[in-house]
């Protein structure tokens, strides 16, 4: 076995765990879930049936990733984040009978490469979180988030842009629509509300 699972964790035999990954105490990885290489599943985190995760993802403690979520490479999920999966959650049907697995249609959250979801935020499916975007702690995301967008609040709204380093971008003086990372110096162009990286 080329990955690490703590004795108190529950990993279903049908789950696929990539090389170098770690599943910590009390975490649960359900049937058919697939984790890429180098992933970290924190204490008490939940990975639902058939969830797909790329390489080098981090699920911090008590994060809940419900199926059919899909995470790209390098995705960060903060402590106690919830990715939902039901349009109209109910415990019972209109007649009062308890709902079962086949009584509802699961919808998922898709998170693209490099994106970060801050602590205790909630992503309400079905939505897509764009590449290298950042969801602030405590936000409730109810609509798609563009690549490199910084979103905050309840409901979440865009307040700026972030680069690959996770640092908020600043608009270059005298260059309308040109954004720069103060940490790396990388440049990005705003093309009608879509941020595009400049080729190096």
Protein backbone atom coordinates (compact mmCIF):
# COMPACT_ATOMS: atom_id res chain seq x y z
CA UNK A 1 0.00 0.00 0.00
CA UNK A 2 1.55 3.31 -1.13
CA UNK A 3 -0.81 5.59 0.82
CA UNK A 4 -1.61 6.09 4.51
CA UNK A 5 -4.93 5.44 6.26
CA UNK A 6 -5.27 5.95 10.01
CA UNK A 7 -6.83 3.00 11.90
CA UNK A 8 -9.93 5.01 12.91
CA UNK A 9 -10.69 6.09 9.32
CA UNK A 10 -13.22 4.20 7.17
CA UNK A 11 -12.20 3.64 3.57
CA UNK A 12 -14.44 1.40 1.48
CA UNK A 13 -12.67 -1.44 -0.32
CA UNK A 14 -13.96 -0.14 -3.68
CA UNK A 15 -12.48 3.34 -3.19
CA UNK A 16 -9.33 4.21 -5.13
CA UNK A 17 -6.64 6.07 -3.20
CA UNK A 18 -3.72 7.56 -5.13
CA UNK A 19 -0.07 7.11 -4.23
CA UNK A 20 1.18 9.34 -1.42
CA UNK A 21 -2.29 10.23 -0.16
CA UNK A 22 -3.24 10.33 3.54
CA UNK A 23 -6.62 9.68 5.17
CA UNK A 24 -6.63 10.88 8.78
CA UNK A 25 -8.56 9.92 11.92
CA UNK A 26 -12.33 9.44 11.71
CA UNK A 27 -12.48 10.37 8.01
CA UNK A 28 -14.80 8.38 5.75
CA UNK A 29 -14.22 7.61 2.07
CA UNK A 30 -17.27 5.93 0.52
CA UNK A 31 -17.83 3.36 -2.20
CA UNK A 32 -16.33 4.06 -5.60
CA UNK A 33 -14.71 7.34 -4.57
CA UNK A 34 -11.48 8.10 -6.40
CA UNK A 35 -8.68 10.21 -4.91
CA UNK A 36 -5.69 11.23 -6.97
CA UNK A 37 -2.07 11.18 -5.87
CA UNK A 38 -0.86 13.22 -2.92
CA UNK A 39 -4.29 14.00 -1.48
CA UNK A 40 -4.89 14.77 2.20
CA UNK A 41 -8.23 13.92 3.81
CA UNK A 42 -8.41 15.58 7.25
CA UNK A 43 -9.86 14.37 10.52
CA UNK A 44 -13.59 13.69 10.32
CA UNK A 45 -13.86 14.61 6.64
CA UNK A 46 -16.42 12.86 4.44
CA UNK A 47 -15.95 11.86 0.79
CA UNK A 48 -19.20 10.62 -0.73
CA UNK A 49 -19.92 7.68 -3.00
CA UNK A 50 -18.28 8.07 -6.40
CA UNK A 51 -16.73 11.48 -5.67
CA UNK A 52 -13.81 12.25 -8.00
CA UNK A 53 -10.75 14.15 -6.77
CA UNK A 54 -7.64 15.07 -8.76
CA UNK A 55 -4.04 15.06 -7.54
CA UNK A 56 -2.78 17.09 -4.55
CA UNK A 57 -6.19 18.02 -3.16
CA UNK A 58 -6.64 18.90 0.50
CA UNK A 59 -9.84 18.35 2.47
CA UNK A 60 -9.40 19.94 5.87
CA UNK A 61 -11.00 18.65 9.06
CA UNK A 62 -14.74 17.93 8.99
CA UNK A 63 -15.24 18.96 5.37
CA UNK A 64 -18.25 17.24 3.78
CA UNK A 65 -17.97 16.47 0.06
CA UNK A 66 -21.20 14.84 -1.09
CA UNK A 67 -21.58 12.93 -4.33
CA UNK A 68 -21.48 13.56 -7.23
CA UNK A 69 -18.86 16.26 -6.56
CA UNK A 70 -15.85 16.53 -8.87
CA UNK A 71 -12.62 18.21 -7.78
CA UNK A 72 -9.76 19.05 -10.14
CA UNK A 73 -6.07 19.01 -9.30
CA UNK A 74 -4.79 21.09 -6.39
CA UNK A 75 -8.19 21.96 -4.92
CA UNK A 76 -8.27 23.20 -1.31
CA UNK A 77 -11.38 22.56 0.80
CA UNK A 78 -11.24 24.36 4.15
CA UNK A 79 -12.41 23.11 7.56
CA UNK A 80 -16.14 22.34 7.87
CA UNK A 81 -16.93 23.21 4.24
CA UNK A 82 -20.09 21.61 2.82
CA UNK A 83 -20.63 20.72 -0.85
CA UNK A 84 -24.37 19.97 -1.14
CA UNK A 85 -26.06 17.60 -3.58
CA UNK A 86 -29.84 18.04 -3.48
CA UNK A 87 -32.07 20.65 -5.22
CA UNK A 88 -34.97 20.17 -2.82
CA UNK A 89 -33.84 18.42 0.34
CA UNK A 90 -36.56 16.63 2.29
CA UNK A 91 -36.45 13.74 4.72
CA UNK A 92 -39.91 12.58 3.64
CA UNK A 93 -42.06 12.66 0.51
CA UNK A 94 -45.36 14.63 0.35
CA UNK A 95 -47.21 11.65 1.89
CA UNK A 96 -44.86 11.59 4.87
CA UNK A 97 -42.94 8.47 3.85
CA UNK A 98 -39.21 8.53 4.43
CA UNK A 99 -37.26 9.17 1.24
CA UNK A 100 -34.75 6.56 0.11
CA UNK A 101 -31.73 6.63 -2.18
CA UNK A 102 -33.74 6.40 -5.39
CA UNK A 103 -36.29 9.04 -4.40
CA UNK A 104 -34.23 12.05 -5.41
CA UNK A 105 -31.82 13.22 -8.10
CA UNK A 106 -28.31 14.03 -6.92
CA UNK A 107 -26.71 17.21 -8.30
CA UNK A 108 -23.06 18.05 -7.80
CA UNK A 109 -20.52 20.78 -7.23
CA UNK A 110 -17.65 20.89 -9.74
CA UNK A 111 -14.45 22.60 -8.63
CA UNK A 112 -11.75 23.29 -11.21
CA UNK A 113 -7.98 23.08 -10.77
CA UNK A 114 -6.34 25.19 -8.08
CA UNK A 115 -9.52 26.64 -6.56
CA UNK A 116 -9.83 27.23 -2.80
CA UNK A 117 -13.00 27.00 -0.72
CA UNK A 118 -12.69 28.83 2.62
CA UNK A 119 -13.57 27.48 6.06
CA UNK A 120 -17.25 26.89 6.87
CA UNK A 121 -18.43 27.97 3.45
CA UNK A 122 -21.29 26.18 1.69
CA UNK A 123 -21.46 25.47 -2.05
CA UNK A 124 -25.06 24.82 -3.09
CA UNK A 125 -25.23 22.39 -6.03
CA UNK A 126 -25.41 22.43 -8.95
CA UNK A 127 -22.61 24.95 -9.48
CA UNK A 128 -19.14 25.16 -10.98
CA UNK A 129 -16.25 26.86 -9.20
CA UNK A 130 -13.68 28.13 -11.71
CA UNK A 131 -9.92 27.57 -11.91
CA UNK A 132 -7.78 29.24 -9.24
CA UNK A 133 -10.78 31.07 -7.81
CA UNK A 134 -11.21 31.69 -4.09
CA UNK A 135 -14.34 31.42 -1.97
CA UNK A 136 -13.99 33.37 1.28
CA UNK A 137 -14.60 31.77 4.65
CA UNK A 138 -18.28 31.56 5.58
CA UNK A 139 -19.58 32.32 2.09
CA UNK A 140 -22.68 30.65 0.65
CA UNK A 141 -22.15 30.05 -3.06
CA UNK A 142 -25.36 29.70 -5.08
CA UNK A 143 -24.14 30.41 -8.62
CA UNK A 144 -21.12 29.63 -10.77
CA UNK A 145 -17.82 31.31 -9.91
CA UNK A 146 -15.54 32.46 -12.77
CA UNK A 147 -11.87 31.50 -13.06
CA UNK A 148 -9.66 33.59 -10.71
CA UNK A 149 -12.67 35.25 -9.05
CA UNK A 150 -12.70 36.20 -5.37
CA UNK A 151 -16.19 35.78 -3.90
CA UNK A 152 -17.44 36.65 -0.42
CA UNK A 153 -20.66 36.86 1.56
CA UNK A 154 -24.15 35.39 1.80
CA UNK A 155 -25.05 34.90 -0.96
CA UNK A 156 -21.54 35.01 -2.40
CA UNK A 157 -20.71 37.87 -4.77
CA UNK A 158 -17.54 38.70 -6.63
CA UNK A 159 -15.40 41.44 -5.09
CA UNK A 160 -12.17 41.04 -7.03
CA UNK A 161 -9.66 38.71 -8.64
CA UNK A 162 -6.95 36.43 -7.29
CA UNK A 163 -3.93 34.91 -9.04
CA UNK A 164 -2.42 31.46 -8.81
CA UNK A 165 -0.62 32.48 -5.59
CA UNK A 166 -3.97 33.19 -3.90
CA UNK A 167 -3.14 36.88 -3.50
CA UNK A 168 -5.69 39.51 -4.51
CA UNK A 169 -4.76 41.09 -7.85
CA UNK A 170 -4.35 44.85 -8.32
CA UNK A 171 -5.20 46.76 -11.49
CA UNK A 172 -2.12 48.29 -13.09
CA UNK A 173 -2.10 52.07 -13.06
CA UNK A 174 -2.92 53.51 -16.46
CA UNK A 175 -3.63 50.08 -17.97
CA UNK A 176 -7.37 49.53 -17.86
CA UNK A 177 -8.26 45.84 -17.58
CA UNK A 178 -4.72 44.69 -16.81
CA UNK A 179 -4.32 42.98 -13.43
CA UNK A 180 -1.09 42.09 -11.64
CA UNK A 181 -0.22 39.74 -8.82
CA UNK A 182 1.73 41.74 -6.21
CA UNK A 183 3.54 38.58 -5.12
CA UNK A 184 4.60 36.99 -8.42
CA UNK A 185 4.29 39.85 -10.91
CA UNK A 186 2.14 37.68 -13.19
CA UNK A 187 -0.22 39.63 -15.46
CA UNK A 188 -3.85 38.91 -16.31
CA UNK A 189 -6.20 40.55 -18.81
CA UNK A 190 -9.87 41.23 -18.13
CA UNK A 191 -11.71 40.41 -21.35
CA UNK A 192 -15.34 41.39 -20.79
CA UNK A 193 -15.45 39.95 -17.29
CA UNK A 194 -13.32 36.89 -18.06
CA UNK A 195 -9.81 36.94 -16.61
CA UNK A 196 -7.14 35.44 -18.84
CA UNK A 197 -3.52 34.75 -17.91
CA UNK A 198 -0.88 36.33 -20.08
CA UNK A 199 1.55 33.87 -21.63
CA UNK A 200 5.03 34.06 -20.12
